[in-house]
């Protein structure tokens, strides 16, 4: 399994969808960013603001990241 080091900060945990098909999000705000090792296989998508990873029990997490979008693309491609 391949891993990469990322600098991640605040995040939103997606707990699924409600009866009206609206995503149920839990916002987690942290002070600053910290380095984490992430399994590449857990990464589902990357935007200029968030990296989306899977989590436990079918949940997803939208992480803020500190690296530039271009640098992250170079790491993953």
Protein backbone atom coordinates (compact mmCIF):
# COMPACT_ATOMS: atom_id res chain seq x y z
CA UNK A 1 0.00 0.00 0.00
CA UNK A 2 1.35 3.43 -0.95
CA UNK A 3 1.25 6.32 1.55
CA UNK A 4 1.87 10.05 1.19
CA UNK A 5 2.56 12.75 3.76
CA UNK A 6 0.09 15.64 3.79
CA UNK A 7 -0.40 18.68 6.00
CA UNK A 8 -4.09 18.60 6.97
CA UNK A 9 -6.25 20.95 9.00
CA UNK A 10 -9.94 21.48 9.67
CA UNK A 11 -12.29 18.99 8.08
CA UNK A 12 -15.89 17.99 7.51
CA UNK A 13 -17.10 14.45 8.17
CA UNK A 14 -19.91 13.27 5.91
CA UNK A 15 -22.28 10.95 7.77
CA UNK A 16 -24.43 10.22 4.73
CA UNK A 17 -27.69 11.77 3.62
CA UNK A 18 -30.93 12.70 5.37
CA UNK A 19 -34.51 11.93 4.26
CA UNK A 20 -34.40 14.98 1.92
CA UNK A 21 -31.19 13.70 0.30
CA UNK A 22 -29.09 16.48 1.87
CA UNK A 23 -25.59 15.55 2.99
CA UNK A 24 -25.21 15.42 6.80
CA UNK A 25 -21.89 17.13 7.62
CA UNK A 26 -20.07 17.48 10.93
CA UNK A 27 -17.62 20.42 10.87
CA UNK A 28 -14.41 19.95 12.86
CA UNK A 29 -12.32 23.09 13.27
CA UNK A 30 -8.74 22.74 14.50
CA UNK A 31 -6.04 25.29 15.28
CA UNK A 32 -3.52 25.07 12.48
CA UNK A 33 -2.38 22.16 10.36
CA UNK A 34 -0.56 18.93 11.22
CA UNK A 35 1.31 16.36 9.18
CA UNK A 36 -0.45 13.06 8.54
CA UNK A 37 0.40 9.94 6.57
CA UNK A 38 -2.51 9.04 4.26
CA UNK A 39 -3.00 5.84 2.27
CA UNK A 40 -3.35 6.79 -1.39
CA UNK A 41 -6.07 4.15 -1.75
CA UNK A 42 -8.27 6.17 0.66
CA UNK A 43 -8.17 9.31 -1.51
CA UNK A 44 -11.33 9.71 -3.59
CA UNK A 45 -10.86 13.19 -5.08
CA UNK A 46 -8.89 16.42 -4.77
CA UNK A 47 -10.05 20.00 -5.31
CA UNK A 48 -8.15 23.26 -4.84
CA UNK A 49 -9.57 23.44 -1.31
CA UNK A 50 -10.24 19.88 -0.09
CA UNK A 51 -8.96 16.34 -0.34
CA UNK A 52 -11.77 13.79 0.04
CA UNK A 53 -10.92 10.51 1.78
CA UNK A 54 -12.98 7.59 2.97
CA UNK A 55 -13.34 6.88 6.68
CA UNK A 56 -14.91 4.30 8.98
CA UNK A 57 -18.42 2.89 8.55
CA UNK A 58 -18.97 4.32 5.06
CA UNK A 59 -18.25 7.92 6.08
CA UNK A 60 -16.16 10.41 4.08
CA UNK A 61 -13.92 13.28 5.21
CA UNK A 62 -13.27 16.54 3.37
CA UNK A 63 -9.86 17.75 4.64
CA UNK A 64 -8.37 21.20 4.18
CA UNK A 65 -4.77 20.77 3.09
CA UNK A 66 -1.78 23.11 3.13
CA UNK A 67 0.13 21.90 0.06
CA UNK A 68 -0.58 23.59 -3.26
CA UNK A 69 -3.00 21.89 -5.65
CA UNK A 70 -0.21 21.61 -8.25
CA UNK A 71 2.19 19.99 -5.76
CA UNK A 72 -0.48 17.52 -4.67
CA UNK A 73 -1.17 16.60 -8.30
CA UNK A 74 2.54 15.92 -8.84
CA UNK A 75 2.65 13.66 -5.77
CA UNK A 76 -0.39 11.63 -6.89
CA UNK A 77 0.17 11.35 -10.64
